[in-house]
Amino acid sequence: LLAAVDAKLDAAKSQFAIENRAFGDNAGTVQIPVARNATLL
């Protein structure tokens, strides 16, 4: 999810980027439900 948001920000030429301070090694195992029509927000 964070990688996808980062990629979208980069494609929009935004100066903003994700800074992940909460998830370490478990970032790849924690799953989050997201609707198919979800915005980045």
PDB file of all heavy atoms in Angstrom:
ATOM      1  N   LEU A   1       0.827  -1.202   0.000  1.00  0.00           N
ATOM      2  CA  LEU A   1       0.000   0.000   0.000  1.00  0.00           C
ATOM      3  C   LEU A   1       0.868   1.262   0.000  1.00  0.00           C
ATOM      4  O   LEU A   1       0.647   2.176  -0.801  1.00  0.00           O
ATOM      5  CB  LEU A   1      -0.927  -0.008   1.219  1.00  0.00           C
ATOM      6  CG  LEU A   1      -2.014   1.070   1.282  1.00  0.00           C
ATOM      7  CD1 LEU A   1      -3.209   0.573   2.075  1.00  0.00           C
ATOM      8  CD2 LEU A   1      -1.498   2.362   1.923  1.00  0.00           C
ATOM      9  N   LEU A   2       1.863   1.306   0.890  1.00  0.00           N
ATOM     10  CA  LEU A   2       2.729   2.487   0.973  1.00  0.00           C
ATOM     11  C   LEU A   2       3.533   2.665  -0.308  1.00  0.00           C
ATOM     12  O   LEU A   2       3.741   3.799  -0.772  1.00  0.00           O
ATOM     13  CB  LEU A   2       3.659   2.376   2.178  1.00  0.00           C
ATOM     14  CG  LEU A   2       2.975   2.371   3.557  1.00  0.00           C
ATOM     15  CD1 LEU A   2       4.016   2.271   4.664  1.00  0.00           C
ATOM     16  CD2 LEU A   2       2.115   3.614   3.741  1.00  0.00           C
ATOM     17  N   ALA A   3       3.970   1.559  -0.895  1.00  0.00           N
ATOM     18  CA  ALA A   3       4.714   1.639  -2.152  1.00  0.00           C
ATOM     19  C   ALA A   3       3.824   2.169  -3.277  1.00  0.00           C
ATOM     20  O   ALA A   3       4.270   2.969  -4.112  1.00  0.00           O
ATOM     21  CB  ALA A   3       5.272   0.270  -2.525  1.00  0.00           C
ATOM     22  N   ALA A   4       2.552   1.745  -3.275  1.00  0.00           N
ATOM     23  CA  ALA A   4       1.628   2.200  -4.313  1.00  0.00           C
ATOM     24  C   ALA A   4       1.339   3.697  -4.169  1.00  0.00           C
ATOM     25  O   ALA A   4       1.298   4.423  -5.172  1.00  0.00           O
ATOM     26  CB  ALA A   4       0.328   1.407  -4.227  1.00  0.00           C
ATOM     27  N   VAL A   5       1.147   4.159  -2.933  1.00  0.00           N
ATOM     28  CA  VAL A   5       0.915   5.589  -2.701  1.00  0.00           C
ATOM     29  C   VAL A   5       2.140   6.391  -3.114  1.00  0.00           C
ATOM     30  O   VAL A   5       2.029   7.436  -3.771  1.00  0.00           O
ATOM     31  CB  VAL A   5       0.563   5.856  -1.218  1.00  0.00           C
ATOM     32  CG1 VAL A   5       0.516   7.365  -0.938  1.00  0.00           C
ATOM     33  CG2 VAL A   5      -0.764   5.206  -0.860  1.00  0.00           C
ATOM     34  N   ASP A   6       3.321   5.902  -2.755  1.00  0.00           N
ATOM     35  CA  ASP A   6       4.573   6.576  -3.123  1.00  0.00           C
ATOM     36  C   ASP A   6       4.708   6.700  -4.640  1.00  0.00           C
ATOM     37  O   ASP A   6       5.103   7.751  -5.171  1.00  0.00           O
ATOM     38  CB  ASP A   6       5.765   5.796  -2.561  1.00  0.00           C
ATOM     39  CG  ASP A   6       6.673   6.678  -1.712  1.00  0.00           C
ATOM     40  OD1 ASP A   6       6.455   7.909  -1.678  1.00  0.00           O
ATOM     41  OD2 ASP A   6       7.600   6.138  -1.090  1.00  0.00           O
ATOM     42  N   ALA A   7       4.355   5.615  -5.342  1.00  0.00           N
ATOM     43  CA  ALA A   7       4.467   5.617  -6.800  1.00  0.00           C
ATOM     44  C   ALA A   7       3.500   6.622  -7.425  1.00  0.00           C
ATOM     45  O   ALA A   7       3.837   7.318  -8.390  1.00  0.00           O
ATOM     46  CB  ALA A   7       4.197   4.212  -7.343  1.00  0.00           C
ATOM     47  N   LYS A   8       2.286   6.705  -6.881  1.00  0.00           N
ATOM     48  CA  LYS A   8       1.302   7.658  -7.392  1.00  0.00           C
ATOM     49  C   LYS A   8       1.760   9.097  -7.153  1.00  0.00           C
ATOM     50  O   LYS A   8       1.576   9.972  -8.010  1.00  0.00           O
ATOM     51  CB  LYS A   8      -0.050   7.419  -6.714  1.00  0.00           C
ATOM     52  CG  LYS A   8      -0.737   6.137  -7.128  1.00  0.00           C
ATOM     53  CD  LYS A   8      -1.354   6.262  -8.510  1.00  0.00           C
ATOM     54  CE  LYS A   8      -2.168   5.038  -8.868  1.00  0.00           C
ATOM     55  NZ  LYS A   8      -2.857   5.170 -10.169  1.00  0.00           N
ATOM     56  N   LEU A   9       2.333   9.365  -5.984  1.00  0.00           N
ATOM     57  CA  LEU A   9       2.841  10.706  -5.688  1.00  0.00           C
ATOM     58  C   LEU A   9       3.971  11.071  -6.648  1.00  0.00           C
ATOM     59  O   LEU A   9       4.051  12.204  -7.131  1.00  0.00           O
ATOM     60  CB  LEU A   9       3.333  10.778  -4.236  1.00  0.00           C
ATOM     61  CG  LEU A   9       2.256  10.713  -3.146  1.00  0.00           C
ATOM     62  CD1 LEU A   9       2.903  10.589  -1.771  1.00  0.00           C
ATOM     63  CD2 LEU A   9       1.353  11.941  -3.189  1.00  0.00           C
ATOM     64  N   ASP A  10       4.821  10.103  -6.911  1.00  0.00           N
ATOM     65  CA  ASP A  10       5.939  10.341  -7.820  1.00  0.00           C
ATOM     66  C   ASP A  10       5.436  10.612  -9.243  1.00  0.00           C
ATOM     67  O   ASP A  10       5.933  11.513  -9.933  1.00  0.00           O
ATOM     68  CB  ASP A  10       6.875   9.125  -7.815  1.00  0.00           C
ATOM     69  CG  ASP A  10       8.153   9.390  -8.585  1.00  0.00           C
ATOM     70  OD1 ASP A  10       8.854  10.378  -8.282  1.00  0.00           O
ATOM     71  OD2 ASP A  10       8.459   8.612  -9.514  1.00  0.00           O
ATOM     72  N   ALA A  11       4.415   9.862  -9.653  1.00  0.00           N
ATOM     73  CA  ALA A  11       3.850  10.056 -10.991  1.00  0.00           C
ATOM     74  C   ALA A  11       3.196  11.423 -11.134  1.00  0.00           C
ATOM     75  O   ALA A  11       3.192  12.013 -12.219  1.00  0.00           O
ATOM     76  CB  ALA A  11       2.837   8.952 -11.291  1.00  0.00           C
ATOM     77  N   ALA A  12       2.649  11.932 -10.019  1.00  0.00           N
ATOM     78  CA  ALA A  12       2.011  13.252 -10.040  1.00  0.00           C
ATOM     79  C   ALA A  12       3.030  14.369  -9.855  1.00  0.00           C
ATOM     80  O   ALA A  12       2.655  15.536  -9.778  1.00  0.00           O
ATOM     81  CB  ALA A  12       0.948  13.328  -8.947  1.00  0.00           C
ATOM     82  N   LYS A  13       4.321  13.993  -9.775  1.00  0.00           N
ATOM     83  CA  LYS A  13       5.418  14.952  -9.572  1.00  0.00           C
ATOM     84  C   LYS A  13       5.236  15.764  -8.285  1.00  0.00           C
ATOM     85  O   LYS A  13       5.527  16.955  -8.231  1.00  0.00           O
ATOM     86  CB  LYS A  13       5.558  15.878 -10.781  1.00  0.00           C
ATOM     87  CG  LYS A  13       5.841  15.131 -12.085  1.00  0.00           C
ATOM     88  CD  LYS A  13       6.182  16.077 -13.196  1.00  0.00           C
ATOM     89  CE  LYS A  13       6.388  15.330 -14.515  1.00  0.00           C
ATOM     90  NZ  LYS A  13       7.395  14.271 -14.428  1.00  0.00           N
ATOM     91  N   SER A  14       4.725  15.090  -7.252  1.00  0.00           N
ATOM     92  CA  SER A  14       4.565  15.739  -5.954  1.00  0.00           C
ATOM     93  C   SER A  14       5.890  15.727  -5.203  1.00  0.00           C
ATOM     94  O   SER A  14       6.680  14.787  -5.314  1.00  0.00           O
ATOM     95  CB  SER A  14       3.502  14.999  -5.128  1.00  0.00           C
ATOM     96  OG  SER A  14       3.478  15.472  -3.800  1.00  0.00           O
ATOM     97  N   GLN A  15       6.123  16.764  -4.411  1.00  0.00           N
ATOM     98  CA  GLN A  15       7.333  16.802  -3.595  1.00  0.00           C
ATOM     99  C   GLN A  15       7.215  15.885  -2.383  1.00  0.00           C
ATOM    100  O   GLN A  15       8.202  15.614  -1.699  1.00  0.00           O
ATOM    101  CB  GLN A  15       7.570  18.240  -3.098  1.00  0.00           C
ATOM    102  CG  GLN A  15       6.472  18.765  -2.176  1.00  0.00           C
ATOM    103  CD  GLN A  15       6.790  20.111  -1.568  1.00  0.00           C
ATOM    104  OE1 GLN A  15       7.932  20.378  -1.223  1.00  0.00           O
ATOM    105  NE2 GLN A  15       5.780  20.969  -1.450  1.00  0.00           N
ATOM    106  N   PHE A  16       6.009  15.392  -2.112  1.00  0.00           N
ATOM    107  CA  PHE A  16       5.776  14.565  -0.926  1.00  0.00           C
ATOM    108  C   PHE A  16       6.139  13.109  -1.184  1.00  0.00           C
ATOM    109  O   PHE A  16       6.002  12.606  -2.302  1.00  0.00           O
ATOM    110  CB  PHE A  16       4.312  14.646  -0.481  1.00  0.00           C
ATOM    111  CG  PHE A  16       3.980  15.902   0.265  1.00  0.00           C
ATOM    112  CD1 PHE A  16       3.775  17.090  -0.414  1.00  0.00           C
ATOM    113  CD2 PHE A  16       3.913  15.906   1.650  1.00  0.00           C
ATOM    114  CE1 PHE A  16       3.480  18.255   0.269  1.00  0.00           C
ATOM    115  CE2 PHE A  16       3.624  17.070   2.338  1.00  0.00           C
ATOM    116  CZ  PHE A  16       3.408  18.252   1.650  1.00  0.00           C
ATOM    117  N   ALA A  17       6.607  12.459  -0.113  1.00  0.00           N
ATOM    118  CA  ALA A  17       6.935  11.033  -0.175  1.00  0.00           C
ATOM    119  C   ALA A  17       6.599  10.399   1.169  1.00  0.00           C
ATOM    120  O   ALA A  17       6.506  11.091   2.197  1.00  0.00           O
ATOM    121  CB  ALA A  17       8.421  10.842  -0.489  1.00  0.00           C
ATOM    122  N   ILE A  18       6.421   9.094   1.155  1.00  0.00           N
ATOM    123  CA  ILE A  18       6.099   8.356   2.386  1.00  0.00           C
ATOM    124  C   ILE A  18       7.327   8.243   3.279  1.00  0.00           C
ATOM    125  O   ILE A  18       8.426   7.947   2.815  1.00  0.00           O
ATOM    126  CB  ILE A  18       5.578   6.948   2.053  1.00  0.00           C
ATOM    127  CG1 ILE A  18       4.252   7.030   1.281  1.00  0.00           C
ATOM    128  CG2 ILE A  18       5.435   6.112   3.319  1.00  0.00           C
ATOM    129  CD1 ILE A  18       3.077   7.484   2.107  1.00  0.00           C
ATOM    130  N   GLU A  19       7.129   8.490   4.574  1.00  0.00           N
ATOM    131  CA  GLU A  19       8.164   8.232   5.577  1.00  0.00           C
ATOM    132  C   GLU A  19       7.593   7.242   6.584  1.00  0.00           C
ATOM    133  O   GLU A  19       6.752   7.588   7.407  1.00  0.00           O
ATOM    134  CB  GLU A  19       8.584   9.522   6.278  1.00  0.00           C
ATOM    135  CG  GLU A  19       9.684   9.306   7.307  1.00  0.00           C
ATOM    136  CD  GLU A  19      10.061  10.585   8.040  1.00  0.00           C
ATOM    137  OE1 GLU A  19       9.662  11.675   7.595  1.00  0.00           O
ATOM    138  OE2 GLU A  19      10.744  10.479   9.074  1.00  0.00           O
ATOM    139  N   ASN A  20       8.039   6.009   6.510  1.00  0.00           N
ATOM    140  CA  ASN A  20       7.491   4.941   7.341  1.00  0.00           C
ATOM    141  C   ASN A  20       8.301   4.789   8.622  1.00  0.00           C
ATOM    142  O   ASN A  20       9.424   4.300   8.604  1.00  0.00           O
ATOM    143  CB  ASN A  20       7.477   3.627   6.556  1.00  0.00           C
ATOM    144  CG  ASN A  20       7.005   2.460   7.394  1.00  0.00           C
ATOM    145  OD1 ASN A  20       6.367   2.630   8.424  1.00  0.00           O
ATOM    146  ND2 ASN A  20       7.320   1.259   6.945  1.00  0.00           N
ATOM    147  N   ARG A  21       7.713   5.194   9.754  1.00  0.00           N
ATOM    148  CA  ARG A  21       8.363   5.034  11.055  1.00  0.00           C
ATOM    149  C   ARG A  21       7.691   3.962  11.910  1.00  0.00           C
ATOM    150  O   ARG A  21       8.162   3.661  13.005  1.00  0.00           O
ATOM    151  CB  ARG A  21       8.314   6.346  11.840  1.00  0.00           C
ATOM    152  CG  ARG A  21       8.968   7.544  11.170  1.00  0.00           C
ATOM    153  CD  ARG A  21       8.906   8.723  12.119  1.00  0.00           C
ATOM    154  NE  ARG A  21       9.202   9.989  11.472  1.00  0.00           N
ATOM    155  CZ  ARG A  21       9.044  11.171  12.048  1.00  0.00           C
ATOM    156  NH1 ARG A  21       8.585  11.238  13.287  1.00  0.00           N
ATOM    157  NH2 ARG A  21       9.328  12.284  11.393  1.00  0.00           N
ATOM    158  N   ALA A  22       6.584   3.419  11.414  1.00  0.00           N
ATOM    159  CA  ALA A  22       5.784   2.517  12.250  1.00  0.00           C
ATOM    160  C   ALA A  22       6.003   1.049  11.945  1.00  0.00           C
ATOM    161  O   ALA A  22       5.956   0.200  12.833  1.00  0.00           O
ATOM    162  CB  ALA A  22       4.306   2.852  12.095  1.00  0.00           C
ATOM    163  N   PHE A  23       6.219   0.729  10.696  1.00  0.00           N
ATOM    164  CA  PHE A  23       6.297  -0.677  10.292  1.00  0.00           C
ATOM    165  C   PHE A  23       7.712  -1.012   9.841  1.00  0.00           C
ATOM    166  O   PHE A  23       8.297  -0.314   9.018  1.00  0.00           O
ATOM    167  CB  PHE A  23       5.312  -0.965   9.161  1.00  0.00           C
ATOM    168  CG  PHE A  23       3.878  -0.709   9.514  1.00  0.00           C
ATOM    169  CD1 PHE A  23       3.277   0.506   9.202  1.00  0.00           C
ATOM    170  CD2 PHE A  23       3.127  -1.671  10.182  1.00  0.00           C
ATOM    171  CE1 PHE A  23       1.952   0.757   9.528  1.00  0.00           C
ATOM    172  CE2 PHE A  23       1.806  -1.435  10.513  1.00  0.00           C
ATOM    173  CZ  PHE A  23       1.215  -0.215  10.183  1.00  0.00           C
ATOM    174  N   GLY A  24       8.226  -2.094  10.402  1.00  0.00           N
ATOM    175  CA  GLY A  24       9.558  -2.554  10.027  1.00  0.00           C
ATOM    176  C   GLY A  24       9.457  -3.816   9.207  1.00  0.00           C
ATOM    177  O   GLY A  24       8.902  -3.824   8.105  1.00  0.00           O
ATOM    178  N   ASP A  25       9.984  -4.889   9.771  1.00  0.00           N
ATOM    179  CA  ASP A  25       9.991  -6.176   9.062  1.00  0.00           C
ATOM    180  C   ASP A  25       8.594  -6.721   8.823  1.00  0.00           C
ATOM    181  O   ASP A  25       8.392  -7.560   7.931  1.00  0.00           O
ATOM    182  CB  ASP A  25      10.809  -7.198   9.852  1.00  0.00           C
ATOM    183  CG  ASP A  25      12.280  -6.792   9.958  1.00  0.00           C
ATOM    184  OD1 ASP A  25      12.723  -6.006   9.095  1.00  0.00           O
ATOM    185  OD2 ASP A  25      12.958  -7.247  10.907  1.00  0.00           O
ATOM    186  N   ASN A  26       7.615  -6.275   9.628  1.00  0.00           N
ATOM    187  CA  ASN A  26       6.262  -6.823   9.479  1.00  0.00           C
ATOM    188  C   ASN A  26       5.441  -6.087   8.434  1.00  0.00           C
ATOM    189  O   ASN A  26       4.259  -6.385   8.231  1.00  0.00           O
ATOM    190  CB  ASN A  26       5.517  -6.787  10.817  1.00  0.00           C
ATOM    191  CG  ASN A  26       5.290  -5.370  11.316  1.00  0.00           C
ATOM    192  OD1 ASN A  26       6.010  -4.444  10.923  1.00  0.00           O
ATOM    193  ND2 ASN A  26       4.311  -5.197  12.195  1.00  0.00           N
ATOM    194  N   ALA A  27       6.016  -5.089   7.749  1.00  0.00           N
ATOM    195  CA  ALA A  27       5.267  -4.315   6.753  1.00  0.00           C
ATOM    196  C   ALA A  27       4.751  -5.202   5.620  1.00  0.00           C
ATOM    197  O   ALA A  27       3.732  -4.891   4.999  1.00  0.00           O
ATOM    198  CB  ALA A  27       6.144  -3.198   6.183  1.00  0.00           C
ATOM    199  N   GLY A  28       5.440  -6.278   5.359  1.00  0.00           N
ATOM    200  CA  GLY A  28       5.015  -7.159   4.273  1.00  0.00           C
ATOM    201  C   GLY A  28       3.989  -8.178   4.680  1.00  0.00           C
ATOM    202  O   GLY A  28       3.413  -8.864   3.823  1.00  0.00           O
ATOM    203  N   THR A  29       3.733  -8.314   5.982  1.00  0.00           N
ATOM    204  CA  THR A  29       2.791  -9.330   6.458  1.00  0.00           C
ATOM    205  C   THR A  29       1.474  -8.752   6.951  1.00  0.00           C
ATOM    206  O   THR A  29       0.462  -9.449   6.962  1.00  0.00           O
ATOM    207  CB  THR A  29       3.431 -10.140   7.597  1.00  0.00           C
ATOM    208  OG1 THR A  29       3.797  -9.251   8.671  1.00  0.00           O
ATOM    209  CG2 THR A  29       4.672 -10.873   7.105  1.00  0.00           C
ATOM    210  N   VAL A  30       1.474  -7.495   7.390  1.00  0.00           N
ATOM    211  CA  VAL A  30       0.237  -6.866   7.877  1.00  0.00           C
ATOM    212  C   VAL A  30      -0.618  -6.466   6.682  1.00  0.00           C
ATOM    213  O   VAL A  30      -0.212  -5.664   5.843  1.00  0.00           O
ATOM    214  CB  VAL A  30       0.548  -5.620   8.737  1.00  0.00           C
ATOM    215  CG1 VAL A  30      -0.749  -4.943   9.182  1.00  0.00           C
ATOM    216  CG2 VAL A  30       1.392  -5.996   9.936  1.00  0.00           C
ATOM    217  N   GLN A  31      -1.805  -7.046   6.594  1.00  0.00           N
ATOM    218  CA  GLN A  31      -2.705  -6.752   5.484  1.00  0.00           C
ATOM    219  C   GLN A  31      -3.800  -5.777   5.907  1.00  0.00           C
ATOM    220  O   GLN A  31      -4.252  -5.791   7.054  1.00  0.00           O
ATOM    221  CB  GLN A  31      -3.335  -8.039   4.953  1.00  0.00           C
ATOM    222  CG  GLN A  31      -2.335  -8.969   4.283  1.00  0.00           C
ATOM    223  CD  GLN A  31      -3.006 -10.194   3.690  1.00  0.00           C
ATOM    224  OE1 GLN A  31      -3.886 -10.785   4.296  1.00  0.00           O
ATOM    225  NE2 GLN A  31      -2.572 -10.580   2.505  1.00  0.00           N
ATOM    226  N   ILE A  32      -4.222  -4.952   4.956  1.00  0.00           N
ATOM    227  CA  ILE A  32      -5.225  -3.922   5.237  1.00  0.00           C
ATOM    228  C   ILE A  32      -6.318  -3.986   4.179  1.00  0.00           C
ATOM    229  O   ILE A  32      -6.023  -3.990   2.978  1.00  0.00           O
ATOM    230  CB  ILE A  32      -4.582  -2.519   5.235  1.00  0.00           C
ATOM    231  CG1 ILE A  32      -3.562  -2.408   6.368  1.00  0.00           C
ATOM    232  CG2 ILE A  32      -5.638  -1.438   5.393  1.00  0.00           C
ATOM    233  CD1 ILE A  32      -2.848  -1.093   6.416  1.00  0.00           C
ATOM    234  N   PRO A  33      -7.597  -4.011   4.596  1.00  0.00           N
ATOM    235  CA  PRO A  33      -8.684  -4.029   3.603  1.00  0.00           C
ATOM    236  C   PRO A  33      -8.829  -2.671   2.922  1.00  0.00           C
ATOM    237  O   PRO A  33      -8.893  -1.630   3.581  1.00  0.00           O
ATOM    238  CB  PRO A  33      -9.920  -4.353   4.455  1.00  0.00           C
ATOM    239  CG  PRO A  33      -9.566  -3.895   5.839  1.00  0.00           C
ATOM    240  CD  PRO A  33      -8.091  -4.110   5.975  1.00  0.00           C
ATOM    241  N   VAL A  34      -8.852  -2.652   1.603  1.00  0.00           N
ATOM    242  CA  VAL A  34      -8.980  -1.423   0.823  1.00  0.00           C
ATOM    243  C   VAL A  34     -10.012  -1.645  -0.271  1.00  0.00           C
ATOM    244  O   VAL A  34      -9.951  -2.651  -1.005  1.00  0.00           O
ATOM    245  CB  VAL A  34      -7.624  -1.011   0.195  1.00  0.00           C
ATOM    246  CG1 VAL A  34      -7.796   0.228  -0.666  1.00  0.00           C
ATOM    247  CG2 VAL A  34      -6.587  -0.757   1.268  1.00  0.00           C
ATOM    248  N   ALA A  35     -10.956  -0.719  -0.399  1.00  0.00           N
ATOM    249  CA  ALA A  35     -11.979  -0.829  -1.444  1.00  0.00           C
ATOM    250  C   ALA A  35     -11.356  -0.623  -2.823  1.00  0.00           C
ATOM    251  O   ALA A  35     -10.365   0.100  -2.962  1.00  0.00           O
ATOM    252  CB  ALA A  35     -13.072   0.210  -1.199  1.00  0.00           C
ATOM    253  N   ARG A  36     -11.945  -1.228  -3.823  1.00  0.00           N
ATOM    254  CA  ARG A  36     -11.381  -1.156  -5.178  1.00  0.00           C
ATOM    255  C   ARG A  36     -11.440   0.262  -5.752  1.00  0.00           C
ATOM    256  O   ARG A  36     -10.626   0.627  -6.594  1.00  0.00           O
ATOM    257  CB  ARG A  36     -12.133  -2.123  -6.106  1.00  0.00           C
ATOM    258  CG  ARG A  36     -11.853  -3.586  -5.785  1.00  0.00           C
ATOM    259  CD  ARG A  36     -12.442  -4.503  -6.842  1.00  0.00           C
ATOM    260  NE  ARG A  36     -12.113  -5.902  -6.550  1.00  0.00           N
ATOM    261  CZ  ARG A  36     -10.983  -6.491  -6.891  1.00  0.00           C
ATOM    262  NH1 ARG A  36     -10.058  -5.799  -7.537  1.00  0.00           N
ATOM    263  NH2 ARG A  36     -10.763  -7.760  -6.593  1.00  0.00           N
ATOM    264  N   ASN A  37     -12.430   1.036  -5.308  1.00  0.00           N
ATOM    265  CA  ASN A  37     -12.546   2.409  -5.802  1.00  0.00           C
ATOM    266  C   ASN A  37     -11.914   3.428  -4.850  1.00  0.00           C
ATOM    267  O   ASN A  37     -12.207   4.616  -4.904  1.00  0.00           O
ATOM    268  CB  ASN A  37     -14.014   2.766  -6.035  1.00  0.00           C
ATOM    269  CG  ASN A  37     -14.842   2.709  -4.743  1.00  0.00           C
ATOM    270  OD1 ASN A  37     -14.381   2.140  -3.746  1.00  0.00           O
ATOM    271  ND2 ASN A  37     -16.032   3.277  -4.769  1.00  0.00           N
ATOM    272  N   ALA A  38     -11.035   2.962  -3.977  1.00  0.00           N
ATOM    273  CA  ALA A  38     -10.439   3.836  -2.966  1.00  0.00           C
ATOM    274  C   ALA A  38      -9.506   4.863  -3.588  1.00  0.00           C
ATOM    275  O   ALA A  38      -8.777   4.571  -4.549  1.00  0.00           O
ATOM    276  CB  ALA A  38      -9.674   3.005  -1.939  1.00  0.00           C
ATOM    277  N   THR A  39      -9.529   6.068  -3.005  1.00  0.00           N
ATOM    278  CA  THR A  39      -8.534   7.077  -3.359  1.00  0.00           C
ATOM    279  C   THR A  39      -7.293   6.832  -2.507  1.00  0.00           C
ATOM    280  O   THR A  39      -7.304   5.996  -1.582  1.00  0.00           O
ATOM    281  CB  THR A  39      -9.066   8.486  -3.089  1.00  0.00           C
ATOM    282  OG1 THR A  39      -9.313   8.625  -1.675  1.00  0.00           O
ATOM    283  CG2 THR A  39     -10.357   8.754  -3.852  1.00  0.00           C
ATOM    284  N   LEU A  40      -6.236   7.572  -2.788  1.00  0.00           N
ATOM    285  CA  LEU A  40      -5.034   7.465  -1.949  1.00  0.00           C
ATOM    286  C   LEU A  40      -5.355   7.849  -0.505  1.00  0.00           C
ATOM    287  O   LEU A  40      -4.833   7.242   0.445  1.00  0.00           O
ATOM    288  CB  LEU A  40      -3.926   8.369  -2.484  1.00  0.00           C
ATOM    289  CG  LEU A  40      -3.433   8.120  -3.913  1.00  0.00           C
ATOM    290  CD1 LEU A  40      -2.240   9.019  -4.230  1.00  0.00           C
ATOM    291  CD2 LEU A  40      -3.057   6.660  -4.130  1.00  0.00           C
ATOM    292  N   LEU A  41      -6.219   8.847  -0.334  1.00  0.00           N
ATOM    293  CA  LEU A  41      -6.613   9.266   1.014  1.00  0.00           C
ATOM    294  C   LEU A  41      -7.358   8.148   1.731  1.00  0.00           C
ATOM    295  O   LEU A  41      -7.083   7.862   2.903  1.00  0.00           O
ATOM    296  CB  LEU A  41      -7.482  10.521   0.933  1.00  0.00           C
ATOM    297  CG  LEU A  41      -7.841  11.179   2.272  1.00  0.00           C
ATOM    298  CD1 LEU A  41      -6.606  11.821   2.903  1.00  0.00           C
ATOM    299  CD2 LEU A  41      -8.932  12.229   2.079  1.00  0.00           C
TER     300      LEU A  41
END
